[in-house]
Amino acid sequence: MAQHNILGQQGEDMAVDFLKQKGYTVLERNYRYQKAEVDILARKDDVLAVVEVKTRSTNTFGDPQDFVKPRQIQNLVKAVDAFIADHTLDLEVRFDIIAIVKTKTGMELEHLENAFYHF
């Protein structure tokens, strides 16, 4: 497995642990629909958090959250609509980003709630 894939998997695992510690129930990981993959779908109370995890070995070229592009957002929205329909859910939907950057001493995690608008 390529080094960037290993780092990405570590980041997703770290994000799942973080969400569970914050009281979320992880419903699905790596949910695929057409061209989209949703990293984490998690529920807390009446909110479905759609979580995109961005892990980087450095922030030299920008913060991880800066790498979520409009086309990716559109694909995520379609995927989440399908997930909600398939599971007959009636929840508020929120799109979050968990940005993780590798540092000399470990990994830094930032949870950005409502990171982009559902259109």
N, C-alpha and C. Protein backbone atom coordinates (compact mmCIF):
# COMPACT_ATOMS: atom_id res chain seq x y z
N MET A 1 0.85 -1.18 0.00
CA MET A 1 0.00 0.00 0.00
C MET A 1 0.89 1.24 0.00
N ALA A 2 0.55 2.22 -0.82
CA ALA A 2 1.34 3.45 -0.92
C ALA A 2 1.30 4.22 0.40
N GLN A 3 2.37 4.95 0.67
CA GLN A 3 2.49 5.69 1.93
C GLN A 3 1.33 6.66 2.14
N HIS A 4 0.87 7.36 1.07
CA HIS A 4 -0.23 8.31 1.23
C HIS A 4 -1.53 7.58 1.56
N ASN A 5 -1.70 6.34 1.07
CA ASN A 5 -2.89 5.56 1.42
C ASN A 5 -2.86 5.12 2.87
N ILE A 6 -1.68 4.77 3.36
CA ILE A 6 -1.53 4.38 4.76
C ILE A 6 -1.85 5.58 5.65
N LEU A 7 -1.32 6.74 5.31
CA LEU A 7 -1.57 7.95 6.08
C LEU A 7 -3.07 8.29 6.07
N GLY A 8 -3.70 8.15 4.92
CA GLY A 8 -5.13 8.42 4.81
C GLY A 8 -5.95 7.48 5.67
N GLN A 9 -5.59 6.21 5.69
CA GLN A 9 -6.30 5.23 6.52
C GLN A 9 -6.11 5.53 8.00
N GLN A 10 -4.90 5.91 8.38
CA GLN A 10 -4.64 6.29 9.77
C GLN A 10 -5.49 7.50 10.16
N GLY A 11 -5.59 8.45 9.25
CA GLY A 11 -6.40 9.64 9.50
C GLY A 11 -7.86 9.30 9.69
N GLU A 12 -8.40 8.43 8.83
CA GLU A 12 -9.81 8.03 8.96
C GLU A 12 -10.05 7.29 10.27
N ASP A 13 -9.13 6.41 10.64
CA ASP A 13 -9.27 5.70 11.91
C ASP A 13 -9.25 6.67 13.09
N MET A 14 -8.37 7.65 13.02
CA MET A 14 -8.28 8.66 14.07
C MET A 14 -9.57 9.48 14.13
N ALA A 15 -10.13 9.82 12.98
CA ALA A 15 -11.38 10.59 12.92
C ALA A 15 -12.54 9.80 13.52
N VAL A 16 -12.61 8.51 13.22
CA VAL A 16 -13.67 7.66 13.78
C VAL A 16 -13.55 7.61 15.30
N ASP A 17 -12.35 7.41 15.80
CA ASP A 17 -12.15 7.38 17.26
C ASP A 17 -12.56 8.70 17.89
N PHE A 18 -12.19 9.81 17.26
CA PHE A 18 -12.54 11.14 17.75
C PHE A 18 -14.06 11.30 17.82
N LEU A 19 -14.75 10.94 16.73
CA LEU A 19 -16.21 11.09 16.69
C LEU A 19 -16.88 10.24 17.76
N LYS A 20 -16.42 9.02 17.93
CA LYS A 20 -17.00 8.14 18.95
C LYS A 20 -16.82 8.74 20.35
N GLN A 21 -15.64 9.32 20.60
CA GLN A 21 -15.39 9.95 21.90
C GLN A 21 -16.31 11.14 22.13
N LYS A 22 -16.75 11.79 21.05
CA LYS A 22 -17.65 12.94 21.13
C LYS A 22 -19.12 12.54 21.14
N GLY A 23 -19.39 11.23 21.18
CA GLY A 23 -20.77 10.76 21.31
C GLY A 23 -21.48 10.44 20.01
N TYR A 24 -20.76 10.40 18.91
CA TYR A 24 -21.35 10.05 17.63
C TYR A 24 -21.42 8.53 17.48
N THR A 25 -22.40 8.08 16.73
CA THR A 25 -22.48 6.68 16.32
C THR A 25 -22.12 6.63 14.84
N VAL A 26 -21.10 5.88 14.51
CA VAL A 26 -20.68 5.77 13.11
C VAL A 26 -21.61 4.78 12.42
N LEU A 27 -22.32 5.28 11.40
CA LEU A 27 -23.27 4.44 10.66
C LEU A 27 -22.61 3.73 9.49
N GLU A 28 -21.64 4.40 8.87
CA GLU A 28 -21.03 3.84 7.67
C GLU A 28 -19.68 4.51 7.45
N ARG A 29 -18.76 3.71 6.92
CA ARG A 29 -17.45 4.23 6.50
C ARG A 29 -17.27 3.92 5.03
N ASN A 30 -16.68 4.86 4.32
CA ASN A 30 -16.36 4.69 2.90
C ASN A 30 -17.58 4.28 2.07
N TYR A 31 -18.69 4.98 2.30
CA TYR A 31 -19.93 4.74 1.55
C TYR A 31 -19.74 5.23 0.12
N ARG A 32 -20.02 4.36 -0.83
CA ARG A 32 -19.84 4.71 -2.24
C ARG A 32 -21.19 4.80 -2.94
N TYR A 33 -21.29 5.83 -3.78
CA TYR A 33 -22.45 6.03 -4.64
C TYR A 33 -21.96 6.71 -5.91
N GLN A 34 -22.14 6.07 -7.02
CA GLN A 34 -21.67 6.56 -8.31
C GLN A 34 -20.20 6.96 -8.20
N LYS A 35 -19.89 8.24 -8.44
CA LYS A 35 -18.49 8.68 -8.43
C LYS A 35 -18.02 9.19 -7.06
N ALA A 36 -18.89 9.11 -6.08
CA ALA A 36 -18.57 9.69 -4.77
C ALA A 36 -18.26 8.63 -3.74
N GLU A 37 -17.40 9.00 -2.83
CA GLU A 37 -17.16 8.20 -1.63
C GLU A 37 -17.25 9.13 -0.43
N VAL A 38 -18.10 8.76 0.51
CA VAL A 38 -18.24 9.51 1.75
C VAL A 38 -17.39 8.80 2.79
N ASP A 39 -16.46 9.52 3.37
CA ASP A 39 -15.54 8.89 4.31
C ASP A 39 -16.26 8.33 5.53
N ILE A 40 -17.08 9.18 6.17
CA ILE A 40 -17.76 8.75 7.39
C ILE A 40 -19.17 9.35 7.41
N LEU A 41 -20.14 8.53 7.73
CA LEU A 41 -21.50 8.97 8.01
C LEU A 41 -21.75 8.64 9.47
N ALA A 42 -21.99 9.66 10.29
CA ALA A 42 -22.13 9.46 11.73
C ALA A 42 -23.35 10.21 12.23
N ARG A 43 -23.97 9.65 13.25
CA ARG A 43 -25.17 10.26 13.81
C ARG A 43 -24.92 10.67 15.26
N LYS A 44 -25.42 11.85 15.58
CA LYS A 44 -25.45 12.30 16.97
C LYS A 44 -26.78 13.01 17.16
N ASP A 45 -27.59 12.48 18.04
CA ASP A 45 -28.94 12.99 18.26
C ASP A 45 -29.71 12.95 16.94
N ASP A 46 -30.24 14.07 16.50
CA ASP A 46 -31.03 14.11 15.26
C ASP A 46 -30.24 14.69 14.09
N VAL A 47 -28.92 14.54 14.13
CA VAL A 47 -28.06 15.08 13.08
C VAL A 47 -27.27 13.96 12.42
N LEU A 48 -27.30 13.95 11.10
CA LEU A 48 -26.44 13.06 10.33
C LEU A 48 -25.24 13.89 9.90
N ALA A 49 -24.08 13.56 10.44
CA ALA A 49 -22.84 14.27 10.08
C ALA A 49 -22.18 13.52 8.94
N VAL A 50 -22.02 14.22 7.83
CA VAL A 50 -21.32 13.70 6.66
C VAL A 50 -19.90 14.23 6.79
N VAL A 51 -18.95 13.33 7.02
CA VAL A 51 -17.61 13.76 7.38
C VAL A 51 -16.61 13.40 6.29
N GLU A 52 -15.99 14.41 5.75
CA GLU A 52 -14.88 14.24 4.81
C GLU A 52 -13.60 14.37 5.62
N VAL A 53 -12.75 13.36 5.54
CA VAL A 53 -11.49 13.37 6.29
C VAL A 53 -10.37 13.72 5.33
N LYS A 54 -9.61 14.74 5.67
CA LYS A 54 -8.45 15.15 4.87
C LYS A 54 -7.22 15.06 5.74
N THR A 55 -6.32 14.18 5.36
CA THR A 55 -5.09 13.96 6.13
C THR A 55 -3.90 14.34 5.26
N ARG A 56 -3.00 15.09 5.81
CA ARG A 56 -1.81 15.52 5.08
C ARG A 56 -0.57 15.31 5.94
N SER A 57 0.53 15.05 5.27
CA SER A 57 1.80 14.87 5.98
C SER A 57 2.42 16.21 6.34
N THR A 58 1.93 17.28 5.72
CA THR A 58 2.40 18.63 6.01
C THR A 58 1.32 19.62 5.56
N ASN A 59 1.34 20.80 6.13
CA ASN A 59 0.43 21.84 5.64
C ASN A 59 1.18 22.91 4.85
N THR A 60 2.35 22.55 4.35
CA THR A 60 3.17 23.46 3.56
C THR A 60 2.41 24.03 2.36
N PHE A 61 1.59 23.18 1.73
CA PHE A 61 0.87 23.60 0.53
C PHE A 61 -0.56 24.03 0.81
N GLY A 62 -0.91 24.20 2.07
CA GLY A 62 -2.25 24.63 2.46
C GLY A 62 -2.84 23.68 3.49
N ASP A 63 -3.89 24.14 4.13
CA ASP A 63 -4.58 23.32 5.12
C ASP A 63 -5.34 22.20 4.42
N PRO A 64 -5.48 21.06 5.08
CA PRO A 64 -6.17 19.93 4.45
C PRO A 64 -7.56 20.26 3.94
N GLN A 65 -8.31 21.07 4.69
CA GLN A 65 -9.67 21.40 4.29
C GLN A 65 -9.73 22.21 2.99
N ASP A 66 -8.62 22.81 2.60
CA ASP A 66 -8.58 23.57 1.35
C ASP A 66 -8.62 22.67 0.12
N PHE A 67 -8.51 21.37 0.33
CA PHE A 67 -8.46 20.44 -0.79
C PHE A 67 -9.80 19.78 -1.10
N VAL A 68 -10.89 20.27 -0.50
CA VAL A 68 -12.23 19.80 -0.85
C VAL A 68 -12.74 20.75 -1.93
N LYS A 69 -12.96 20.20 -3.11
CA LYS A 69 -13.32 21.00 -4.29
C LYS A 69 -14.83 20.96 -4.56
N PRO A 70 -15.35 21.96 -5.28
CA PRO A 70 -16.80 22.03 -5.56
C PRO A 70 -17.38 20.77 -6.19
N ARG A 71 -16.69 20.15 -7.12
CA ARG A 71 -17.20 18.93 -7.76
C ARG A 71 -17.33 17.80 -6.74
N GLN A 72 -16.36 17.71 -5.84
CA GLN A 72 -16.42 16.70 -4.79
C GLN A 72 -17.62 16.95 -3.88
N ILE A 73 -17.88 18.20 -3.57
CA ILE A 73 -19.03 18.55 -2.73
C ILE A 73 -20.33 18.13 -3.42
N GLN A 74 -20.45 18.41 -4.70
CA GLN A 74 -21.65 18.02 -5.45
C GLN A 74 -21.84 16.50 -5.41
N ASN A 75 -20.77 15.76 -5.59
CA ASN A 75 -20.86 14.30 -5.55
C ASN A 75 -21.23 13.79 -4.16
N LEU A 76 -20.70 14.44 -3.13
CA LEU A 76 -21.05 14.06 -1.76
C LEU A 76 -22.53 14.26 -1.49
N VAL A 77 -23.07 15.37 -1.97
CA VAL A 77 -24.48 15.67 -1.76
C VAL A 77 -25.34 14.59 -2.41
N LYS A 78 -25.01 14.19 -3.63
CA LYS A 78 -25.76 13.12 -4.31
C LYS A 78 -25.67 11.81 -3.53
N ALA A 79 -24.49 11.49 -3.06
CA ALA A 79 -24.30 10.25 -2.30
C ALA A 79 -25.10 10.26 -1.01
N VAL A 80 -25.11 11.38 -0.32
CA VAL A 80 -25.83 11.47 0.95
C VAL A 80 -27.33 11.39 0.71
N ASP A 81 -27.81 12.02 -0.35
CA ASP A 81 -29.23 11.92 -0.69
C ASP A 81 -29.62 10.45 -0.90
N ALA A 82 -28.77 9.71 -1.59
CA ALA A 82 -29.02 8.28 -1.83
C ALA A 82 -28.99 7.49 -0.51
N PHE A 83 -28.02 7.79 0.34
CA PHE A 83 -27.91 7.10 1.62
C PHE A 83 -29.17 7.33 2.46
N ILE A 84 -29.61 8.57 2.53
CA ILE A 84 -30.81 8.91 3.31
C ILE A 84 -32.03 8.19 2.76
N ALA A 85 -32.18 8.16 1.45
CA ALA A 85 -33.32 7.48 0.83
C ALA A 85 -33.25 5.97 1.09
N ASP A 86 -32.08 5.38 0.93
CA ASP A 86 -31.91 3.93 1.13
C ASP A 86 -32.19 3.50 2.57
N HIS A 87 -31.90 4.39 3.51
CA HIS A 87 -32.05 4.04 4.93
C HIS A 87 -33.28 4.70 5.56
N THR A 88 -34.09 5.38 4.77
CA THR A 88 -35.31 6.04 5.22
C THR A 88 -35.06 6.86 6.48
N LEU A 89 -34.10 7.75 6.40
CA LEU A 89 -33.73 8.59 7.53
C LEU A 89 -34.42 9.94 7.46
N ASP A 90 -34.78 10.46 8.62
CA ASP A 90 -35.35 11.80 8.72
C ASP A 90 -34.52 12.57 9.73
N LEU A 91 -33.37 13.04 9.26
CA LEU A 91 -32.42 13.72 10.13
C LEU A 91 -31.96 15.01 9.48
N GLU A 92 -31.53 15.94 10.31
CA GLU A 92 -30.84 17.12 9.79
C GLU A 92 -29.49 16.66 9.28
N VAL A 93 -29.06 17.18 8.15
CA VAL A 93 -27.77 16.80 7.56
C VAL A 93 -26.78 17.94 7.73
N ARG A 94 -25.59 17.59 8.15
CA ARG A 94 -24.53 18.57 8.32
C ARG A 94 -23.27 18.03 7.66
N PHE A 95 -22.59 18.86 6.91
CA PHE A 95 -21.35 18.46 6.24
C PHE A 95 -20.16 18.99 7.02
N ASP A 96 -19.32 18.08 7.48
CA ASP A 96 -18.16 18.42 8.29
C ASP A 96 -16.88 18.00 7.57
N ILE A 97 -15.80 18.61 7.98
CA ILE A 97 -14.47 18.17 7.56
C ILE A 97 -13.66 17.91 8.83
N ILE A 98 -12.97 16.80 8.85
CA ILE A 98 -11.97 16.58 9.89
C ILE A 98 -10.63 16.67 9.18
N ALA A 99 -9.88 17.70 9.55
CA ALA A 99 -8.56 17.96 8.96
C ALA A 99 -7.48 17.46 9.92
N ILE A 100 -6.59 16.65 9.38
CA ILE A 100 -5.53 16.06 10.19
C ILE A 100 -4.19 16.34 9.52
N VAL A 101 -3.26 16.84 10.31
CA VAL A 101 -1.91 17.12 9.80
C VAL A 101 -0.91 16.41 10.68
N LYS A 102 -0.01 15.70 10.02
CA LYS A 102 1.07 15.00 10.73
C LYS A 102 2.08 16.05 11.19
N THR A 103 2.48 15.93 12.44
CA THR A 103 3.48 16.85 12.99
C THR A 103 4.66 16.03 13.52
N LYS A 104 5.67 16.72 14.00
CA LYS A 104 6.84 16.03 14.56
C LYS A 104 6.48 15.20 15.78
N THR A 105 5.43 15.63 16.50
CA THR A 105 5.07 14.96 17.74
C THR A 105 3.85 14.06 17.61
N GLY A 106 3.26 13.97 16.44
CA GLY A 106 2.07 13.12 16.27
C GLY A 106 1.16 13.67 15.19
N MET A 107 -0.12 13.68 15.48
CA MET A 107 -1.11 14.15 14.52
C MET A 107 -1.99 15.21 15.18
N GLU A 108 -2.25 16.30 14.46
CA GLU A 108 -3.17 17.33 14.94
C GLU A 108 -4.48 17.19 14.21
N LEU A 109 -5.59 17.20 14.95
CA LEU A 109 -6.92 17.04 14.38
C LEU A 109 -7.74 18.28 14.62
N GLU A 110 -8.45 18.72 13.59
CA GLU A 110 -9.38 19.85 13.71
C GLU A 110 -10.71 19.42 13.11
N HIS A 111 -11.79 19.55 13.87
CA HIS A 111 -13.14 19.19 13.41
C HIS A 111 -13.87 20.47 13.03
N LEU A 112 -14.17 20.59 11.75
CA LEU A 112 -14.86 21.76 11.23
C LEU A 112 -16.31 21.39 10.94
N GLU A 113 -17.22 21.79 11.82
CA GLU A 113 -18.64 21.51 11.62
C GLU A 113 -19.22 22.50 10.62
N ASN A 114 -20.22 22.05 9.85
CA ASN A 114 -20.85 22.89 8.83
C ASN A 114 -19.79 23.49 7.90
N ALA A 115 -18.92 22.65 7.41
CA ALA A 115 -17.79 23.11 6.62
C ALA A 115 -18.18 23.64 5.25
N PHE A 116 -19.28 23.15 4.71
CA PHE A 116 -19.79 23.71 3.47
C PHE A 116 -21.30 23.53 3.41
N TYR A 117 -21.90 24.34 2.61
CA TYR A 117 -23.35 24.44 2.56
C TYR A 117 -23.94 23.37 1.66
N HIS A 118 -25.02 22.73 2.11
CA HIS A 118 -25.75 21.72 1.33
C HIS A 118 -26.67 22.46 0.35
N PHE A 119 -26.40 22.28 -0.95
CA PHE A 119 -27.19 23.01 -1.95
C PHE A 119 -27.99 22.09 -2.82
